[in-house]
Amino acid sequence: MRIPDYPSQHNEQWAQVDNYFANALAAEDVALKAALAHNAAQGLPVHDVSALQGKWLALMVTITGAKRVLEIGTLGGYSTIWMARALPENGQIITLEFNPHHAEVARHNLALARVHDRAEVIVGAALDSLPMLTAPFDLIFIDADKVNNPHYLHWALKLARVGTVIIADNVVRGGAVVVADSEDPNVSGLREFVDMINQDNRLEATALQTVGEKGWDGLIMAVVKSL
């Protein structure tokens, strides 16, 4: 069992349930297991999505018919592999990673999973890379520093089309998101992000809390109704 991001007395049971469903519905193959092992060997933090979350992202790519996917926050490319595999033959995923070492590890993992031909890793601050990208993307996954989530949403809308799905991970943070006067800049960034979505008539959105091997967290999913 991985060390949960947000511990609870129920973590062991939650992890057992995750393991049950993952084995039945989202079993990791050799390349996915190797990616996690390589991440650990290279000293990357254990912030990857779970297998079930990776499979969910892959299904979202399939359900939306996405051909172009943008991921903000690569880490070791574990989620990238899941989404890249769900793309059609002519599909592409562009993933942005600030840390050069993380990007190098991700490229290794993507090559091992044989999806490097449809996955491009761009190194540097996302806010520097985003203005260089060409719109539109069909699905945008935001999973980087939460402080900048408001800025990432701003650019996601610039790079979207009507119908683009925007997904943001780690929005509950063990319940910390409800603390209005939090001194944690990640929480402040998330709350501003939520307020922006709430006030933007171009978006229709919802949030889901999740429990599992990563502890208590959640995600926001929005669809772009107009530009």
Foldseek 3Di string as FASTA:
>chain_A
DDDALADDPCLVVQAVVLVVCCVVPQDDDPLLVVLVVLLVVLPFDPPDDDSVVLLVLLVVCQVLVWQEEEEEAQQQNNSVLSNLVSHPPNGAYEYEHADPSSLVNNCVSCVSSVSNVRYHYDYHDVLVVLVVDAAAGQEYEYEDQLLCLVVVVVSNVVRHAQFRKYKYWFLCSNPPLVVPPDPPSSSVSSVVNVVVQVPDPQKDKDKDWDAHNNGTGIMMMIGGHHD
